[in-house]
């Protein structure tokens, strides 16, 4: 009886989490992706499938959005063309599908997902508040978005993932993500962890905390449209994401630095939450 209750709780949590991340059509899309014939871009069990399939991505995604907002041109595109306030879960579901299609889908699905994003990007162009023009298909801006994502995904996995990568696999992961970044049109994407670190340093002079970036950070961390019961765990996920940002990224977004709290309470809470999500999403092993 107790096992039945635990399994019911696990299933309810897993379905709620998966629906929020993947959208209402989650089951159909997942089954179609798993059952589709054809060669995948990346073999099962390779570093990219381990990173993108782990619950640490919940922390990683928040960190990536916060870090990406520090580029004024990238943030201008989001502020002027993205309905992140009106439909944040729809945007999350579309991002989730893109990552799943390019990581786990067959080649046809991956290419279709890439083409879809490039089509949307064609409409995202304009002028930032400082007068500079931007385009979502700009290879340099695409490079920034790619670098911020890959850095966030890898760092979160190394801290909260079930099976952190060794040094060689970290390089393999960065090289595998480069295939997706290059397919999207990003220029000079890194192919190793050293190159990733160097690319992040290279972008620092271009980064700044704009009013739009600080507004987005407040929305992501303090004002997400969530039921009351989900607010506390989401707040802890947000704290875990903030704690993983480099110090130079904190002040521009007006985010605090609490080293003792982050090293103990926040990290511990992040580990508990990611383990709980992982438990809820992975069915228990069956005998036979």
Protein backbone atom coordinates (compact mmCIF):
# COMPACT_ATOMS: atom_id res chain seq x y z
CA UNK A 1 0.00 0.00 0.00
CA UNK A 2 2.76 2.42 0.94
CA UNK A 3 4.57 1.65 -2.31
CA UNK A 4 1.37 2.35 -4.22
CA UNK A 5 0.97 5.74 -2.55
CA UNK A 6 4.61 6.63 -3.25
CA UNK A 7 4.22 5.63 -6.89
CA UNK A 8 1.06 7.74 -7.18
CA UNK A 9 2.84 10.76 -5.71
CA UNK A 10 5.82 10.21 -8.00
CA UNK A 11 3.55 10.01 -11.04
CA UNK A 12 1.56 13.12 -10.09
CA UNK A 13 4.67 15.20 -9.51
CA UNK A 14 6.28 13.94 -12.71
CA UNK A 15 3.20 14.68 -14.83
CA UNK A 16 2.84 18.17 -13.37
CA UNK A 17 6.50 19.01 -13.94
CA UNK A 18 6.57 17.55 -17.44
CA UNK A 19 3.37 19.32 -18.50
CA UNK A 20 4.67 22.67 -17.27
CA UNK A 21 7.96 22.28 -19.13
CA UNK A 22 6.90 20.48 -22.30
CA UNK A 23 3.37 21.80 -22.82
CA UNK A 24 -0.07 20.24 -23.18
CA UNK A 25 0.88 17.94 -26.06
CA UNK A 26 3.81 16.49 -24.14
CA UNK A 27 2.89 12.80 -24.34
CA UNK A 28 2.25 12.75 -28.08
CA UNK A 29 5.42 14.68 -28.87
CA UNK A 30 7.56 12.52 -26.59
CA UNK A 31 6.23 9.24 -28.02
CA UNK A 32 6.68 10.45 -31.59
CA UNK A 33 10.26 11.46 -30.85
CA UNK A 34 11.12 8.18 -29.13
CA UNK A 35 9.52 5.97 -31.76
CA UNK A 36 10.73 7.80 -34.87
CA UNK A 37 13.09 5.88 -37.11
CA UNK A 38 16.27 7.39 -38.47
CA UNK A 39 19.74 8.32 -37.30
CA UNK A 40 20.05 10.73 -34.40
CA UNK A 41 22.56 13.56 -34.40
CA UNK A 42 23.98 12.27 -31.11
CA UNK A 43 24.27 8.69 -29.83
CA UNK A 44 22.30 7.69 -26.76
CA UNK A 45 24.40 8.00 -23.61
CA UNK A 46 26.78 10.57 -25.08
CA UNK A 47 27.53 13.70 -23.02
CA UNK A 48 24.89 15.90 -24.63
CA UNK A 49 22.12 13.39 -23.96
CA UNK A 50 23.27 13.02 -20.36
CA UNK A 51 23.32 16.77 -19.75
CA UNK A 52 20.10 17.68 -21.57
CA UNK A 53 18.23 14.73 -20.10
CA UNK A 54 19.02 15.52 -16.46
CA UNK A 55 16.86 17.46 -14.01
CA UNK A 56 19.75 19.88 -13.44
CA UNK A 57 18.45 21.56 -16.60
CA UNK A 58 15.74 23.22 -14.48
CA UNK A 59 18.42 25.24 -12.71
CA UNK A 60 20.47 25.58 -15.90
CA UNK A 61 17.62 27.10 -17.90
CA UNK A 62 17.01 29.87 -15.37
CA UNK A 63 20.71 30.67 -15.17
CA UNK A 64 20.96 30.79 -18.96
CA UNK A 65 18.06 33.26 -19.25
CA UNK A 66 19.55 35.53 -16.60
CA UNK A 67 23.00 35.45 -18.20
CA UNK A 68 21.66 35.97 -21.74
CA UNK A 69 19.77 39.09 -20.61
CA UNK A 70 23.07 40.89 -20.00
CA UNK A 71 23.67 41.45 -23.71
CA UNK A 72 21.75 44.66 -24.52
CA UNK A 73 21.00 43.67 -28.11
CA UNK A 74 19.87 40.16 -27.26
CA UNK A 75 17.70 41.54 -24.43
CA UNK A 76 16.20 44.17 -26.73
CA UNK A 77 15.08 41.42 -29.08
CA UNK A 78 13.47 39.49 -26.22
CA UNK A 79 11.78 42.59 -24.75
CA UNK A 80 10.34 43.76 -28.08
CA UNK A 81 9.46 40.46 -29.75
CA UNK A 82 8.95 37.85 -27.03
CA UNK A 83 5.77 37.37 -25.04
CA UNK A 84 7.71 36.08 -22.06
CA UNK A 85 5.37 37.87 -19.63
CA UNK A 86 2.11 36.89 -21.26
CA UNK A 87 3.02 33.30 -22.15
CA UNK A 88 6.17 32.24 -20.27
CA UNK A 89 5.18 28.56 -20.19
CA UNK A 90 4.49 28.47 -23.90
CA UNK A 91 7.95 29.91 -24.53
CA UNK A 92 9.46 27.36 -22.15
CA UNK A 93 7.63 24.52 -23.90
CA UNK A 94 8.93 25.63 -27.30
CA UNK A 95 12.49 25.86 -25.98
CA UNK A 96 12.11 22.46 -24.32
CA UNK A 97 10.91 20.92 -27.58
CA UNK A 98 13.82 22.43 -29.51
CA UNK A 99 16.35 20.98 -27.08
CA UNK A 100 14.64 17.59 -27.13
CA UNK A 101 14.34 17.48 -30.93
CA UNK A 102 17.96 18.40 -31.57
CA UNK A 103 19.32 16.18 -28.79
CA UNK A 104 17.08 13.10 -28.90
CA UNK A 105 15.08 13.30 -32.13
CA UNK A 106 16.15 11.88 -35.47
CA UNK A 107 17.92 13.99 -38.05
CA UNK A 108 14.69 15.06 -39.73
CA UNK A 109 13.23 16.32 -36.45
CA UNK A 110 16.42 18.15 -35.54
CA UNK A 111 16.61 19.87 -38.93
CA UNK A 112 12.93 20.83 -38.77
CA UNK A 113 13.41 22.33 -35.30
CA UNK A 114 16.42 24.31 -36.55
CA UNK A 115 14.49 25.57 -39.58
CA UNK A 116 11.58 26.61 -37.37
CA UNK A 117 13.78 28.70 -35.10
CA UNK A 118 15.57 30.33 -38.02
CA UNK A 119 12.21 31.28 -39.55
CA UNK A 120 11.08 32.92 -36.31
CA UNK A 121 14.40 34.73 -36.02
CA UNK A 122 13.89 36.34 -39.42
CA UNK A 123 11.09 38.45 -37.90
CA UNK A 124 13.10 39.49 -34.85
CA UNK A 125 14.90 42.67 -35.77
CA UNK A 126 14.81 46.28 -34.67
CA UNK A 127 16.69 48.93 -32.70
CA UNK A 128 17.76 48.74 -29.07
CA UNK A 129 17.15 51.71 -26.73
CA UNK A 130 20.76 52.83 -27.31
CA UNK A 131 20.06 53.13 -31.06
CA UNK A 132 21.99 50.09 -32.22
CA UNK A 133 20.22 47.75 -34.60
CA UNK A 134 19.84 44.07 -33.87
CA UNK A 135 18.75 40.91 -35.66
CA UNK A 136 18.10 37.54 -34.06
CA UNK A 137 19.85 35.90 -37.02
CA UNK A 138 23.03 37.92 -36.42
CA UNK A 139 25.75 35.23 -36.15
CA UNK A 140 27.46 37.13 -33.32
CA UNK A 141 24.30 37.44 -31.21
CA UNK A 142 23.54 33.79 -31.89
CA UNK A 143 27.04 33.03 -30.62
CA UNK A 144 26.29 34.88 -27.37
CA UNK A 145 23.03 33.03 -26.81
CA UNK A 146 24.77 29.74 -27.54
CA UNK A 147 27.72 30.45 -25.24
CA UNK A 148 25.45 31.54 -22.35
CA UNK A 149 23.31 28.41 -22.72
CA UNK A 150 26.15 25.92 -23.02
CA UNK A 151 28.04 27.47 -20.10
CA UNK A 152 24.89 27.36 -17.95
CA UNK A 153 23.89 23.83 -18.95
CA UNK A 154 27.35 22.43 -18.32
CA UNK A 155 27.94 24.20 -15.00
CA UNK A 156 24.53 23.21 -13.63
CA UNK A 157 25.10 19.61 -14.65
CA UNK A 158 28.50 19.53 -12.99
CA UNK A 159 26.98 20.80 -9.75
CA UNK A 160 23.55 19.13 -9.69
CA UNK A 161 23.60 16.41 -12.34
CA UNK A 162 23.23 12.74 -11.43
CA UNK A 163 26.44 11.84 -13.27
CA UNK A 164 28.82 14.80 -13.69
CA UNK A 165 31.08 14.64 -16.74
CA UNK A 166 34.81 14.09 -16.58
CA UNK A 167 37.17 16.56 -18.25
CA UNK A 168 37.22 14.80 -21.62
CA UNK A 169 33.44 14.46 -21.71
CA UNK A 170 33.06 18.17 -20.91
CA UNK A 171 35.00 18.89 -24.09
CA UNK A 172 32.87 16.39 -26.00
CA UNK A 173 29.71 18.06 -24.70
CA UNK A 174 30.83 21.51 -25.86
CA UNK A 175 31.81 20.09 -29.26
CA UNK A 176 28.44 18.34 -29.62
CA UNK A 177 26.50 21.51 -28.81
CA UNK A 178 28.59 23.31 -31.43
CA UNK A 179 26.78 21.31 -34.14
CA UNK A 180 23.45 22.80 -33.04
CA UNK A 181 24.87 26.32 -32.69
CA UNK A 182 26.44 26.21 -36.13
CA UNK A 183 23.23 24.85 -37.67
CA UNK A 184 21.39 27.86 -36.22
CA UNK A 185 23.92 30.18 -37.83
CA UNK A 186 26.13 31.11 -34.89
CA UNK A 187 29.68 32.12 -35.74
CA UNK A 188 32.92 30.86 -34.19
CA UNK A 189 31.24 28.67 -31.58
CA UNK A 190 33.49 26.96 -29.00
CA UNK A 191 34.40 23.29 -29.37
CA UNK A 192 36.02 22.70 -25.97
CA UNK A 193 35.58 23.89 -22.39
CA UNK A 194 38.65 26.12 -22.65
CA UNK A 195 37.23 27.73 -25.78
CA UNK A 196 33.89 28.14 -24.01
CA UNK A 197 35.54 29.94 -21.08
CA UNK A 198 37.47 32.15 -23.49
CA UNK A 199 34.32 33.02 -25.46
CA UNK A 200 32.56 34.07 -22.25
CA UNK A 201 35.49 36.34 -21.34
CA UNK A 202 35.47 37.77 -24.85
CA UNK A 203 31.85 38.88 -24.51
CA UNK A 204 32.22 40.61 -21.15
CA UNK A 205 32.96 44.11 -22.53
CA UNK A 206 29.66 43.97 -24.47
CA UNK A 207 27.52 43.05 -21.45
CA UNK A 208 25.50 45.43 -19.30
CA UNK A 209 22.51 45.45 -17.01
CA UNK A 210 19.79 47.34 -18.86
CA UNK A 211 16.39 48.25 -17.36
CA UNK A 212 14.85 45.56 -19.58
CA UNK A 213 17.30 42.96 -18.26
CA UNK A 214 16.58 43.85 -14.64
CA UNK A 215 12.83 43.75 -15.31
CA UNK A 216 13.18 40.31 -16.88
CA UNK A 217 15.21 39.10 -13.88
CA UNK A 218 12.54 40.34 -11.46
CA UNK A 219 9.84 38.59 -13.46
CA UNK A 220 11.76 35.31 -13.70
CA UNK A 221 12.72 35.21 -10.04
CA UNK A 222 9.90 37.00 -8.21
CA UNK A 223 6.80 37.17 -10.39
CA UNK A 224 6.37 33.91 -12.33
CA UNK A 225 2.73 32.90 -12.89
CA UNK A 226 2.69 29.86 -10.62
CA UNK A 227 0.20 28.39 -8.17
CA UNK A 228 0.92 29.20 -4.54
CA UNK A 229 2.07 25.66 -3.75
CA UNK A 230 4.78 25.85 -6.42
CA UNK A 231 6.20 29.21 -5.35
CA UNK A 232 8.51 27.93 -2.59
CA UNK A 233 10.28 25.23 -4.63
CA UNK A 234 10.52 27.58 -7.64
CA UNK A 235 12.07 30.26 -5.43
CA UNK A 236 14.71 27.75 -4.33
CA UNK A 237 15.43 26.80 -7.95
CA UNK A 238 15.81 30.51 -8.72
CA UNK A 239 18.19 30.94 -5.80
CA UNK A 240 20.24 27.98 -7.04
CA UNK A 241 20.41 29.55 -10.52
CA UNK A 242 21.49 32.94 -9.15
CA UNK A 243 24.13 31.31 -6.95
CA UNK A 244 25.77 29.85 -10.07
CA UNK A 245 26.10 33.19 -11.85
CA UNK A 246 29.60 34.70 -11.89
CA UNK A 247 29.99 37.62 -9.50
CA UNK A 248 30.41 40.08 -12.37
CA UNK A 249 26.91 39.19 -13.58
CA UNK A 250 25.19 39.82 -10.23
CA UNK A 251 25.37 43.59 -9.76
CA UNK A 252 24.19 44.56 -13.28
CA UNK A 253 21.00 42.58 -12.58
CA UNK A 254 20.87 43.81 -8.95
CA UNK A 255 21.13 40.28 -7.64
CA UNK A 256 22.63 39.65 -4.19
CA UNK A 257 25.74 37.72 -3.28
CA UNK A 258 25.45 35.73 -0.04
CA UNK A 259 28.47 33.39 -0.08
CA UNK A 260 27.81 31.49 3.16
CA UNK A 261 24.09 31.01 2.49
CA UNK A 262 24.71 30.01 -1.12
CA UNK A 263 27.40 27.49 -0.19
CA UNK A 264 25.22 25.77 2.38
CA UNK A 265 21.46 26.32 2.32
CA UNK A 266 21.00 27.20 -1.35
CA UNK A 267 23.25 24.47 -2.68
CA UNK A 268 21.66 21.90 -0.40
CA UNK A 269 18.16 22.95 -1.42
CA UNK A 270 19.16 22.82 -5.08
CA UNK A 271 20.42 19.26 -4.67
CA UNK A 272 17.22 18.15 -2.93
CA UNK A 273 14.98 19.75 -5.56
CA UNK A 274 16.84 18.38 -8.57
CA UNK A 275 16.91 14.90 -7.01
CA UNK A 276 13.18 15.12 -6.32
CA UNK A 277 12.42 16.18 -9.90
CA UNK A 278 14.67 13.42 -11.23
CA UNK A 279 12.88 10.86 -9.04
CA UNK A 280 9.48 12.06 -10.22
CA UNK A 281 10.36 11.91 -13.92
CA UNK A 282 12.07 8.51 -14.01
CA UNK A 283 9.74 5.51 -13.56
CA UNK A 284 10.88 2.99 -10.98
CA UNK A 285 12.66 -0.12 -12.22
CA UNK A 286 10.49 -3.21 -12.53
CA UNK A 287 11.51 -6.79 -11.89
CA UNK A 288 11.82 -9.27 -14.71
